[in-house]
Amino acid sequence: GKPERFAMQLGWYRHTKVPYEWILSTQAPNVYEDHMKVHGEGIHHLALNVPDMDAATADWAKKGYPVSQSGAWGEKGKPGSG
């Protein structure tokens, strides 16, 4: 519920249309460390493309799934940013 600094190393692999992501937490606290403590290794999340991130996160929050961690890179609106 409050801002924190976190870091991770990422790896990517694409098999047909399905991308896979490996995440190694390097600076906690974060949801990856929380997940590992409770569930161990395994699937942590699924990603979906949405046309409006703010609307999608508000909709999921109304359904009982609030944002537990978020982050971004680059500059908003610039190529390669996210």
N, C-alpha and C. Protein backbone atom coordinates (compact mmCIF):
# COMPACT_ATOMS: atom_id res chain seq x y z
N GLY A 1 0.79 -1.20 0.00
CA GLY A 1 0.00 0.00 0.00
C GLY A 1 0.83 1.27 0.00
N LYS A 2 2.17 1.15 -0.07
CA LYS A 2 3.00 2.36 -0.10
C LYS A 2 4.12 2.19 -1.12
N PRO A 3 4.66 3.28 -1.61
CA PRO A 3 5.74 3.20 -2.59
C PRO A 3 6.97 2.51 -2.00
N GLU A 4 7.62 1.68 -2.77
CA GLU A 4 8.88 1.01 -2.41
C GLU A 4 9.76 0.95 -3.64
N ARG A 5 11.03 0.75 -3.44
CA ARG A 5 11.94 0.51 -4.55
C ARG A 5 12.16 -0.99 -4.64
N PHE A 6 12.08 -1.52 -5.83
CA PHE A 6 12.34 -2.94 -6.04
C PHE A 6 13.09 -3.11 -7.35
N ALA A 7 13.76 -4.24 -7.48
CA ALA A 7 14.52 -4.50 -8.69
C ALA A 7 14.49 -5.99 -8.98
N MET A 8 14.67 -6.33 -10.25
CA MET A 8 14.70 -7.73 -10.64
C MET A 8 15.50 -7.89 -11.92
N GLN A 9 15.94 -9.12 -12.18
CA GLN A 9 16.53 -9.47 -13.45
C GLN A 9 15.47 -10.25 -14.22
N LEU A 10 15.35 -9.96 -15.50
CA LEU A 10 14.31 -10.59 -16.32
C LEU A 10 14.93 -11.37 -17.48
N GLY A 11 14.26 -12.43 -17.84
CA GLY A 11 14.62 -13.19 -19.04
C GLY A 11 13.35 -13.46 -19.82
N TRP A 12 13.45 -13.49 -21.15
CA TRP A 12 12.29 -13.67 -22.01
C TRP A 12 12.54 -14.79 -23.01
N TYR A 13 11.48 -15.49 -23.36
CA TYR A 13 11.52 -16.51 -24.40
C TYR A 13 10.15 -16.55 -25.05
N ARG A 14 10.10 -16.64 -26.36
CA ARG A 14 8.82 -16.74 -27.06
C ARG A 14 8.74 -18.09 -27.76
N HIS A 15 7.66 -18.80 -27.49
CA HIS A 15 7.37 -20.06 -28.18
C HIS A 15 6.07 -19.87 -28.94
N THR A 16 6.11 -19.89 -30.24
CA THR A 16 4.99 -19.52 -31.12
C THR A 16 4.50 -18.14 -30.72
N LYS A 17 3.24 -18.00 -30.31
CA LYS A 17 2.71 -16.68 -29.93
C LYS A 17 2.76 -16.44 -28.43
N VAL A 18 3.30 -17.39 -27.67
CA VAL A 18 3.29 -17.29 -26.21
C VAL A 18 4.66 -16.84 -25.70
N PRO A 19 4.74 -15.65 -25.09
CA PRO A 19 6.01 -15.24 -24.48
C PRO A 19 6.07 -15.73 -23.02
N TYR A 20 7.25 -16.17 -22.62
CA TYR A 20 7.49 -16.59 -21.24
C TYR A 20 8.49 -15.62 -20.63
N GLU A 21 8.32 -15.34 -19.36
CA GLU A 21 9.19 -14.40 -18.66
C GLU A 21 9.69 -15.06 -17.38
N TRP A 22 11.00 -14.98 -17.16
CA TRP A 22 11.58 -15.42 -15.90
C TRP A 22 11.95 -14.19 -15.11
N ILE A 23 11.69 -14.23 -13.80
CA ILE A 23 11.96 -13.08 -12.94
C ILE A 23 12.78 -13.53 -11.74
N LEU A 24 13.91 -12.87 -11.52
CA LEU A 24 14.74 -13.11 -10.35
C LEU A 24 14.75 -11.83 -9.53
N SER A 25 14.15 -11.87 -8.37
CA SER A 25 14.11 -10.70 -7.49
C SER A 25 15.52 -10.38 -7.00
N THR A 26 15.91 -9.12 -7.10
CA THR A 26 17.24 -8.72 -6.61
C THR A 26 17.15 -7.64 -5.53
N GLN A 27 15.97 -7.08 -5.32
CA GLN A 27 15.79 -6.08 -4.26
C GLN A 27 14.35 -6.16 -3.78
N ALA A 28 14.17 -6.55 -2.54
CA ALA A 28 12.84 -6.67 -1.94
C ALA A 28 12.58 -5.43 -1.08
N PRO A 29 11.36 -5.22 -0.60
CA PRO A 29 10.19 -6.09 -0.71
C PRO A 29 9.51 -5.95 -2.07
N ASN A 30 8.87 -7.04 -2.50
CA ASN A 30 8.12 -7.02 -3.74
C ASN A 30 7.19 -8.23 -3.79
N VAL A 31 6.27 -8.23 -4.72
CA VAL A 31 5.29 -9.31 -4.81
C VAL A 31 5.91 -10.63 -5.23
N TYR A 32 7.07 -10.60 -5.88
CA TYR A 32 7.73 -11.84 -6.27
C TYR A 32 8.24 -12.58 -5.03
N GLU A 33 8.86 -11.85 -4.12
CA GLU A 33 9.33 -12.44 -2.86
C GLU A 33 8.14 -12.96 -2.05
N ASP A 34 7.08 -12.17 -1.98
CA ASP A 34 5.87 -12.59 -1.25
C ASP A 34 5.32 -13.89 -1.82
N HIS A 35 5.24 -13.97 -3.14
CA HIS A 35 4.71 -15.16 -3.81
C HIS A 35 5.58 -16.39 -3.52
N MET A 36 6.90 -16.23 -3.60
CA MET A 36 7.80 -17.35 -3.38
C MET A 36 7.68 -17.89 -1.95
N LYS A 37 7.52 -17.00 -0.98
CA LYS A 37 7.38 -17.44 0.42
C LYS A 37 6.13 -18.29 0.63
N VAL A 38 5.06 -17.96 -0.06
CA VAL A 38 3.78 -18.67 0.13
C VAL A 38 3.65 -19.88 -0.80
N HIS A 39 4.04 -19.72 -2.08
CA HIS A 39 3.76 -20.74 -3.09
C HIS A 39 4.98 -21.44 -3.65
N GLY A 40 6.17 -20.91 -3.45
CA GLY A 40 7.36 -21.47 -4.08
C GLY A 40 7.40 -21.11 -5.55
N GLU A 41 8.23 -21.80 -6.30
CA GLU A 41 8.37 -21.52 -7.73
C GLU A 41 7.10 -21.90 -8.48
N GLY A 42 6.80 -21.18 -9.52
CA GLY A 42 5.64 -21.49 -10.34
C GLY A 42 5.13 -20.26 -11.04
N ILE A 43 3.94 -20.37 -11.59
CA ILE A 43 3.33 -19.24 -12.31
C ILE A 43 2.92 -18.16 -11.33
N HIS A 44 3.37 -16.96 -11.60
CA HIS A 44 3.06 -15.82 -10.74
C HIS A 44 1.97 -14.94 -11.33
N HIS A 45 2.01 -14.72 -12.64
CA HIS A 45 1.03 -13.85 -13.26
C HIS A 45 0.85 -14.18 -14.74
N LEU A 46 -0.26 -13.70 -15.28
CA LEU A 46 -0.55 -13.76 -16.70
C LEU A 46 -0.69 -12.33 -17.19
N ALA A 47 -0.30 -12.08 -18.41
CA ALA A 47 -0.40 -10.73 -18.97
C ALA A 47 -1.46 -10.68 -20.05
N LEU A 48 -2.15 -9.57 -20.14
CA LEU A 48 -3.18 -9.35 -21.14
C LEU A 48 -2.99 -7.98 -21.77
N ASN A 49 -3.17 -7.87 -23.07
CA ASN A 49 -3.17 -6.57 -23.73
C ASN A 49 -4.53 -5.92 -23.51
N VAL A 50 -4.53 -4.66 -23.11
CA VAL A 50 -5.78 -3.92 -22.92
C VAL A 50 -5.66 -2.56 -23.60
N PRO A 51 -6.77 -2.01 -24.09
CA PRO A 51 -6.70 -0.73 -24.78
C PRO A 51 -6.52 0.46 -23.83
N ASP A 52 -6.93 0.32 -22.56
CA ASP A 52 -6.86 1.43 -21.61
C ASP A 52 -6.47 0.86 -20.24
N MET A 53 -5.19 1.02 -19.84
CA MET A 53 -4.69 0.45 -18.60
C MET A 53 -5.43 0.98 -17.37
N ASP A 54 -5.69 2.28 -17.32
CA ASP A 54 -6.40 2.85 -16.17
C ASP A 54 -7.79 2.25 -16.02
N ALA A 55 -8.51 2.12 -17.12
CA ALA A 55 -9.86 1.54 -17.07
C ALA A 55 -9.80 0.07 -16.68
N ALA A 56 -8.83 -0.65 -17.21
CA ALA A 56 -8.71 -2.08 -16.91
C ALA A 56 -8.36 -2.31 -15.44
N THR A 57 -7.42 -1.54 -14.89
CA THR A 57 -7.06 -1.73 -13.48
C THR A 57 -8.22 -1.33 -12.57
N ALA A 58 -8.97 -0.30 -12.93
CA ALA A 58 -10.15 0.09 -12.13
C ALA A 58 -11.20 -1.02 -12.16
N ASP A 59 -11.41 -1.62 -13.32
CA ASP A 59 -12.38 -2.71 -13.45
C ASP A 59 -11.97 -3.90 -12.60
N TRP A 60 -10.69 -4.30 -12.67
CA TRP A 60 -10.21 -5.43 -11.87
C TRP A 60 -10.31 -5.11 -10.37
N ALA A 61 -9.99 -3.88 -9.98
CA ALA A 61 -10.09 -3.49 -8.57
C ALA A 61 -11.53 -3.61 -8.07
N LYS A 62 -12.50 -3.20 -8.90
CA LYS A 62 -13.92 -3.34 -8.52
C LYS A 62 -14.29 -4.80 -8.31
N LYS A 63 -13.61 -5.70 -9.01
CA LYS A 63 -13.88 -7.14 -8.90
C LYS A 63 -13.11 -7.79 -7.75
N GLY A 64 -12.35 -6.99 -7.00
CA GLY A 64 -11.62 -7.52 -5.85
C GLY A 64 -10.16 -7.82 -6.10
N TYR A 65 -9.61 -7.35 -7.21
CA TYR A 65 -8.21 -7.60 -7.55
C TYR A 65 -7.46 -6.27 -7.70
N PRO A 66 -7.10 -5.64 -6.59
CA PRO A 66 -6.39 -4.36 -6.68
C PRO A 66 -4.95 -4.55 -7.16
N VAL A 67 -4.35 -3.49 -7.65
CA VAL A 67 -2.94 -3.52 -8.04
C VAL A 67 -2.10 -3.73 -6.79
N SER A 68 -1.22 -4.73 -6.82
CA SER A 68 -0.35 -4.99 -5.68
C SER A 68 1.07 -4.53 -5.94
N GLN A 69 1.44 -4.38 -7.20
CA GLN A 69 2.75 -3.86 -7.56
C GLN A 69 2.69 -3.39 -8.99
N SER A 70 3.32 -2.29 -9.28
CA SER A 70 3.39 -1.81 -10.66
C SER A 70 4.72 -1.12 -10.87
N GLY A 71 5.05 -0.90 -12.11
CA GLY A 71 6.29 -0.23 -12.43
C GLY A 71 6.29 0.17 -13.89
N ALA A 72 7.28 0.93 -14.29
CA ALA A 72 7.37 1.40 -15.66
C ALA A 72 8.84 1.65 -15.99
N TRP A 73 9.11 1.86 -17.26
CA TRP A 73 10.45 2.19 -17.70
C TRP A 73 10.36 3.19 -18.83
N GLY A 74 11.43 3.90 -19.03
CA GLY A 74 11.48 4.89 -20.11
C GLY A 74 10.66 6.12 -19.78
N GLU A 75 10.25 6.81 -20.82
CA GLU A 75 9.45 8.01 -20.69
C GLU A 75 8.08 7.78 -21.30
N LYS A 76 7.03 8.11 -20.55
CA LYS A 76 5.67 7.87 -21.00
C LYS A 76 5.45 8.48 -22.39
N GLY A 77 4.89 7.64 -23.28
CA GLY A 77 4.59 8.09 -24.63
C GLY A 77 5.75 7.98 -25.61
N LYS A 78 6.93 7.60 -25.13
CA LYS A 78 8.10 7.48 -26.01
C LYS A 78 8.27 6.03 -26.46
N PRO A 79 8.76 5.80 -27.67
CA PRO A 79 8.99 4.43 -28.14
C PRO A 79 9.86 3.64 -27.18
N GLY A 80 9.51 2.38 -26.95
CA GLY A 80 10.29 1.52 -26.07
C GLY A 80 9.99 1.66 -24.61
N SER A 81 9.12 2.59 -24.26
CA SER A 81 8.75 2.79 -22.86
C SER A 81 7.54 1.91 -22.53
N GLY A 82 7.37 1.64 -21.26
CA GLY A 82 6.24 0.82 -20.87
C GLY A 82 5.89 0.97 -19.42
